[in-house]
Amino acid sequence: MIVGLELNGRALTVNKAAPRGSHPERLPRSSEPVFRIYVGNLPCQVDGSRLEQVFSEHGKVVDARVVSDRETGRLRGFGFVTVSSEIEVNDAIAALDGQV
C-alpha cells in the first residue's frame, strides 16, 4: 500500500470500470477479459503518463488514459487504467482508493 501518495493534493476514487451504458455485472463484449480500473477526482494536471507511473507500482499497466472533452480538449478529471490481471485490479483498488 502506498502511504502518503499525493496526486496534487486530491484523493483518488478508484473502482472497477464498467463498460459505458452497462451494468457492472455484465461481461465485456470481447472473449478476452479486460481488467480496467476507473480513476476519478483527478486534478486537471494529471495525464496518462502520470496515471501509468502511479499504477505501475501495483502491476503491469497495459494502458492508462485520462478522458478529455472532445470539443475543448480539456481533461475531465477522470480516466481509466488497464492492467494485466484481476489480481492487479484488486491490489491497485485496495492500495489507491481514497489516497491523496
N, C-alpha and C. Protein backbone atom coordinates (compact mmCIF):
# COMPACT_ATOMS: atom_id res chain seq x y z
N MET A 1 0.84 -1.18 0.00
CA MET A 1 0.00 0.00 0.00
C MET A 1 0.88 1.24 0.00
N ILE A 2 0.54 2.20 -0.81
CA ILE A 2 1.29 3.44 -0.85
C ILE A 2 0.76 4.34 0.27
N VAL A 3 1.65 4.81 1.12
CA VAL A 3 1.26 5.71 2.19
C VAL A 3 1.79 7.09 1.84
N GLY A 4 0.94 8.09 1.95
CA GLY A 4 1.37 9.45 1.67
C GLY A 4 1.46 9.78 0.19
N LEU A 5 0.87 8.96 -0.66
CA LEU A 5 0.85 9.27 -2.09
C LEU A 5 0.10 10.56 -2.31
N GLU A 6 0.69 11.48 -3.03
CA GLU A 6 0.00 12.73 -3.30
C GLU A 6 -0.11 12.93 -4.79
N LEU A 7 -1.33 13.14 -5.24
CA LEU A 7 -1.57 13.44 -6.64
C LEU A 7 -2.18 14.83 -6.67
N ASN A 8 -1.32 15.81 -6.53
CA ASN A 8 -1.69 17.22 -6.50
C ASN A 8 -2.74 17.51 -5.43
N GLY A 9 -2.63 16.84 -4.27
CA GLY A 9 -3.48 17.13 -3.14
C GLY A 9 -4.90 16.64 -3.23
N ARG A 10 -5.19 15.72 -4.14
CA ARG A 10 -6.56 15.23 -4.30
C ARG A 10 -6.64 13.74 -3.99
N ALA A 11 -7.72 13.33 -3.32
CA ALA A 11 -7.95 11.92 -3.00
C ALA A 11 -8.55 11.24 -4.22
N LEU A 12 -7.94 10.16 -4.65
CA LEU A 12 -8.41 9.44 -5.84
C LEU A 12 -9.63 8.59 -5.52
N THR A 13 -10.48 8.41 -6.52
CA THR A 13 -11.56 7.44 -6.47
C THR A 13 -11.16 6.34 -7.43
N VAL A 14 -11.00 5.12 -6.94
CA VAL A 14 -10.51 4.02 -7.76
C VAL A 14 -11.47 2.84 -7.63
N ASN A 15 -12.10 2.43 -8.77
CA ASN A 15 -13.07 1.35 -8.80
C ASN A 15 -12.86 0.50 -10.04
N LYS A 16 -13.50 -0.67 -10.07
CA LYS A 16 -13.55 -1.44 -11.31
C LYS A 16 -14.39 -0.66 -12.30
N ALA A 17 -13.95 -0.62 -13.54
CA ALA A 17 -14.68 0.13 -14.57
C ALA A 17 -15.70 -0.77 -15.23
N ALA A 18 -16.88 -0.21 -15.51
CA ALA A 18 -17.94 -0.93 -16.22
C ALA A 18 -18.03 -0.36 -17.62
N PRO A 19 -18.32 -1.20 -18.62
CA PRO A 19 -18.49 -0.67 -19.98
C PRO A 19 -19.58 0.39 -20.00
N ARG A 20 -19.41 1.40 -20.85
CA ARG A 20 -20.35 2.50 -20.94
C ARG A 20 -21.77 1.99 -21.18
N GLY A 21 -22.72 2.50 -20.41
CA GLY A 21 -24.12 2.14 -20.58
C GLY A 21 -24.48 0.75 -20.13
N SER A 22 -23.61 0.12 -19.36
CA SER A 22 -23.88 -1.25 -18.94
C SER A 22 -23.97 -1.33 -17.43
N HIS A 23 -24.36 -2.47 -16.96
CA HIS A 23 -24.38 -2.74 -15.54
C HIS A 23 -23.08 -3.43 -15.18
N PRO A 24 -22.53 -3.20 -13.98
CA PRO A 24 -21.24 -3.79 -13.62
C PRO A 24 -21.18 -5.30 -13.73
N GLU A 25 -22.32 -5.99 -13.58
CA GLU A 25 -22.27 -7.45 -13.61
C GLU A 25 -22.22 -8.01 -15.04
N ARG A 26 -22.36 -7.19 -16.06
CA ARG A 26 -22.29 -7.67 -17.44
C ARG A 26 -20.85 -7.98 -17.83
N LEU A 27 -20.68 -8.94 -18.70
CA LEU A 27 -19.35 -9.31 -19.18
C LEU A 27 -18.95 -8.43 -20.35
N PRO A 28 -17.66 -8.18 -20.55
CA PRO A 28 -17.21 -7.43 -21.71
C PRO A 28 -17.58 -8.15 -23.01
N ARG A 29 -17.68 -7.41 -24.09
CA ARG A 29 -18.08 -7.98 -25.37
C ARG A 29 -17.03 -8.92 -25.95
N SER A 30 -15.77 -8.63 -25.74
CA SER A 30 -14.73 -9.48 -26.32
C SER A 30 -14.60 -10.78 -25.52
N SER A 31 -13.97 -11.76 -26.15
CA SER A 31 -13.79 -13.04 -25.47
C SER A 31 -12.65 -12.99 -24.46
N GLU A 32 -11.74 -12.04 -24.62
CA GLU A 32 -10.64 -11.90 -23.68
C GLU A 32 -11.06 -10.96 -22.55
N PRO A 33 -10.72 -11.30 -21.32
CA PRO A 33 -11.10 -10.42 -20.21
C PRO A 33 -10.35 -9.09 -20.27
N VAL A 34 -11.02 -8.04 -19.83
CA VAL A 34 -10.42 -6.72 -19.76
C VAL A 34 -10.37 -6.32 -18.29
N PHE A 35 -9.22 -5.93 -17.84
CA PHE A 35 -9.01 -5.58 -16.44
C PHE A 35 -8.81 -4.07 -16.35
N ARG A 36 -9.92 -3.35 -16.37
CA ARG A 36 -9.90 -1.89 -16.43
C ARG A 36 -10.35 -1.30 -15.10
N ILE A 37 -9.68 -0.22 -14.71
CA ILE A 37 -9.95 0.46 -13.45
C ILE A 37 -10.37 1.90 -13.76
N TYR A 38 -11.45 2.33 -13.13
CA TYR A 38 -11.89 3.72 -13.21
C TYR A 38 -11.15 4.52 -12.15
N VAL A 39 -10.63 5.69 -12.52
CA VAL A 39 -9.94 6.57 -11.58
C VAL A 39 -10.60 7.93 -11.67
N GLY A 40 -11.21 8.37 -10.58
CA GLY A 40 -11.91 9.64 -10.57
C GLY A 40 -11.27 10.65 -9.64
N ASN A 41 -11.77 11.88 -9.73
CA ASN A 41 -11.33 13.00 -8.91
C ASN A 41 -9.87 13.36 -9.18
N LEU A 42 -9.48 13.25 -10.45
CA LEU A 42 -8.10 13.59 -10.83
C LEU A 42 -7.93 15.10 -10.98
N PRO A 43 -6.80 15.63 -10.53
CA PRO A 43 -6.50 17.04 -10.81
C PRO A 43 -6.34 17.24 -12.32
N CYS A 44 -6.63 18.43 -12.78
CA CYS A 44 -6.59 18.67 -14.24
C CYS A 44 -5.19 18.58 -14.83
N GLN A 45 -4.14 18.59 -13.99
CA GLN A 45 -2.77 18.49 -14.50
C GLN A 45 -2.31 17.04 -14.72
N VAL A 46 -3.07 16.06 -14.24
CA VAL A 46 -2.65 14.66 -14.33
C VAL A 46 -2.98 14.11 -15.71
N ASP A 47 -1.99 13.50 -16.35
CA ASP A 47 -2.20 12.91 -17.67
C ASP A 47 -1.99 11.39 -17.61
N GLY A 48 -2.11 10.75 -18.75
CA GLY A 48 -1.99 9.29 -18.82
C GLY A 48 -0.65 8.77 -18.34
N SER A 49 0.42 9.48 -18.63
CA SER A 49 1.73 9.00 -18.20
C SER A 49 1.88 9.04 -16.68
N ARG A 50 1.28 10.03 -16.04
CA ARG A 50 1.33 10.09 -14.57
C ARG A 50 0.49 8.97 -13.97
N LEU A 51 -0.68 8.70 -14.56
CA LEU A 51 -1.50 7.58 -14.11
C LEU A 51 -0.73 6.27 -14.23
N GLU A 52 -0.07 6.09 -15.37
CA GLU A 52 0.71 4.87 -15.58
C GLU A 52 1.80 4.73 -14.52
N GLN A 53 2.47 5.83 -14.22
CA GLN A 53 3.53 5.82 -13.22
C GLN A 53 2.99 5.38 -11.85
N VAL A 54 1.86 5.94 -11.43
CA VAL A 54 1.28 5.62 -10.12
C VAL A 54 0.82 4.17 -10.07
N PHE A 55 0.13 3.71 -11.11
CA PHE A 55 -0.44 2.36 -11.08
C PHE A 55 0.59 1.27 -11.39
N SER A 56 1.70 1.60 -12.00
CA SER A 56 2.71 0.59 -12.31
C SER A 56 3.35 0.01 -11.06
N GLU A 57 3.19 0.69 -9.93
CA GLU A 57 3.70 0.17 -8.66
C GLU A 57 2.84 -0.99 -8.16
N HIS A 58 1.71 -1.25 -8.82
CA HIS A 58 0.78 -2.29 -8.37
C HIS A 58 0.53 -3.35 -9.43
N GLY A 59 1.29 -3.32 -10.51
CA GLY A 59 1.15 -4.33 -11.54
C GLY A 59 1.54 -3.80 -12.90
N LYS A 60 1.38 -4.64 -13.90
CA LYS A 60 1.74 -4.27 -15.27
C LYS A 60 0.61 -3.44 -15.89
N VAL A 61 0.91 -2.20 -16.22
CA VAL A 61 -0.07 -1.32 -16.84
C VAL A 61 -0.05 -1.54 -18.35
N VAL A 62 -1.19 -1.93 -18.89
CA VAL A 62 -1.34 -2.14 -20.33
C VAL A 62 -1.67 -0.83 -21.02
N ASP A 63 -2.51 -0.01 -20.37
CA ASP A 63 -2.93 1.27 -20.94
C ASP A 63 -3.36 2.18 -19.80
N ALA A 64 -3.10 3.47 -19.93
CA ALA A 64 -3.56 4.46 -18.96
C ALA A 64 -3.91 5.72 -19.73
N ARG A 65 -5.15 6.20 -19.51
CA ARG A 65 -5.54 7.42 -20.20
C ARG A 65 -6.49 8.23 -19.35
N VAL A 66 -6.40 9.54 -19.52
CA VAL A 66 -7.29 10.48 -18.87
C VAL A 66 -8.25 10.96 -19.95
N VAL A 67 -9.53 10.99 -19.62
CA VAL A 67 -10.55 11.36 -20.59
C VAL A 67 -10.58 12.88 -20.76
N SER A 68 -10.66 13.32 -22.02
CA SER A 68 -10.73 14.76 -22.30
C SER A 68 -12.02 15.08 -23.05
N ASP A 69 -12.43 16.32 -22.96
CA ASP A 69 -13.60 16.80 -23.66
C ASP A 69 -13.31 16.81 -25.16
N ARG A 70 -14.22 16.26 -25.95
CA ARG A 70 -13.99 16.17 -27.40
C ARG A 70 -13.90 17.52 -28.07
N GLU A 71 -14.66 18.48 -27.61
CA GLU A 71 -14.68 19.80 -28.25
C GLU A 71 -13.55 20.71 -27.80
N THR A 72 -13.29 20.76 -26.49
CA THR A 72 -12.31 21.70 -25.96
C THR A 72 -10.94 21.07 -25.73
N GLY A 73 -10.89 19.75 -25.60
CA GLY A 73 -9.62 19.08 -25.31
C GLY A 73 -9.23 19.13 -23.84
N ARG A 74 -10.03 19.80 -23.00
CA ARG A 74 -9.73 19.88 -21.57
C ARG A 74 -9.93 18.52 -20.92
N LEU A 75 -9.03 18.20 -19.99
CA LEU A 75 -9.15 16.95 -19.25
C LEU A 75 -10.36 17.04 -18.33
N ARG A 76 -11.08 15.90 -18.19
CA ARG A 76 -12.36 15.91 -17.48
C ARG A 76 -12.27 15.42 -16.03
N GLY A 77 -11.07 15.10 -15.54
CA GLY A 77 -10.94 14.75 -14.13
C GLY A 77 -11.13 13.28 -13.81
N PHE A 78 -11.21 12.44 -14.85
CA PHE A 78 -11.27 11.00 -14.62
C PHE A 78 -10.58 10.29 -15.76
N GLY A 79 -10.26 9.02 -15.50
CA GLY A 79 -9.57 8.24 -16.53
C GLY A 79 -9.72 6.76 -16.26
N PHE A 80 -9.01 5.98 -17.07
CA PHE A 80 -9.06 4.53 -16.98
C PHE A 80 -7.65 3.97 -17.08
N VAL A 81 -7.40 2.95 -16.28
CA VAL A 81 -6.12 2.24 -16.31
C VAL A 81 -6.44 0.77 -16.56
N THR A 82 -5.79 0.18 -17.56
CA THR A 82 -5.95 -1.24 -17.84
C THR A 82 -4.69 -1.95 -17.39
N VAL A 83 -4.89 -3.00 -16.58
CA VAL A 83 -3.77 -3.80 -16.08
C VAL A 83 -3.91 -5.21 -16.61
N SER A 84 -2.95 -6.07 -16.30
CA SER A 84 -2.91 -7.38 -16.96
C SER A 84 -3.64 -8.50 -16.24
N SER A 85 -4.14 -8.27 -15.01
CA SER A 85 -4.87 -9.36 -14.32
C SER A 85 -5.86 -8.80 -13.31
N GLU A 86 -6.79 -9.65 -12.92
CA GLU A 86 -7.78 -9.24 -11.92
C GLU A 86 -7.13 -9.03 -10.56
N ILE A 87 -6.10 -9.79 -10.27
CA ILE A 87 -5.37 -9.61 -9.00
C ILE A 87 -4.78 -8.20 -8.95
N GLU A 88 -4.22 -7.74 -10.07
CA GLU A 88 -3.66 -6.39 -10.10
C GLU A 88 -4.74 -5.33 -9.97
N VAL A 89 -5.93 -5.58 -10.53
CA VAL A 89 -7.06 -4.65 -10.37
C VAL A 89 -7.36 -4.52 -8.88
N ASN A 90 -7.54 -5.65 -8.23
CA ASN A 90 -7.90 -5.64 -6.80
C ASN A 90 -6.81 -5.03 -5.94
N ASP A 91 -5.54 -5.32 -6.24
CA ASP A 91 -4.42 -4.75 -5.48
C ASP A 91 -4.38 -3.23 -5.63
N ALA A 92 -4.54 -2.75 -6.87
CA ALA A 92 -4.50 -1.30 -7.12
C ALA A 92 -5.66 -0.60 -6.42
N ILE A 93 -6.85 -1.17 -6.49
CA ILE A 93 -8.01 -0.56 -5.84
C ILE A 93 -7.79 -0.52 -4.33
N ALA A 94 -7.33 -1.60 -3.76
CA ALA A 94 -7.11 -1.66 -2.32
C ALA A 94 -6.06 -0.63 -1.88
N ALA A 95 -5.03 -0.47 -2.69
CA ALA A 95 -3.92 0.42 -2.31
C ALA A 95 -4.22 1.89 -2.58
N LEU A 96 -5.00 2.19 -3.62
CA LEU A 96 -5.09 3.58 -4.07
C LEU A 96 -6.43 4.26 -3.85
N ASP A 97 -7.51 3.53 -3.65
CA ASP A 97 -8.81 4.18 -3.47
C ASP A 97 -8.78 5.06 -2.23
N GLY A 98 -9.14 6.32 -2.42
CA GLY A 98 -9.18 7.28 -1.33
C GLY A 98 -7.85 7.90 -0.96
N GLN A 99 -6.76 7.47 -1.62
CA GLN A 99 -5.45 8.05 -1.35
C GLN A 99 -5.35 9.45 -1.93
N VAL A 100 -4.54 10.26 -1.32
CA VAL A 100 -4.33 11.63 -1.81
C VAL A 100 -3.06 11.64 -2.65
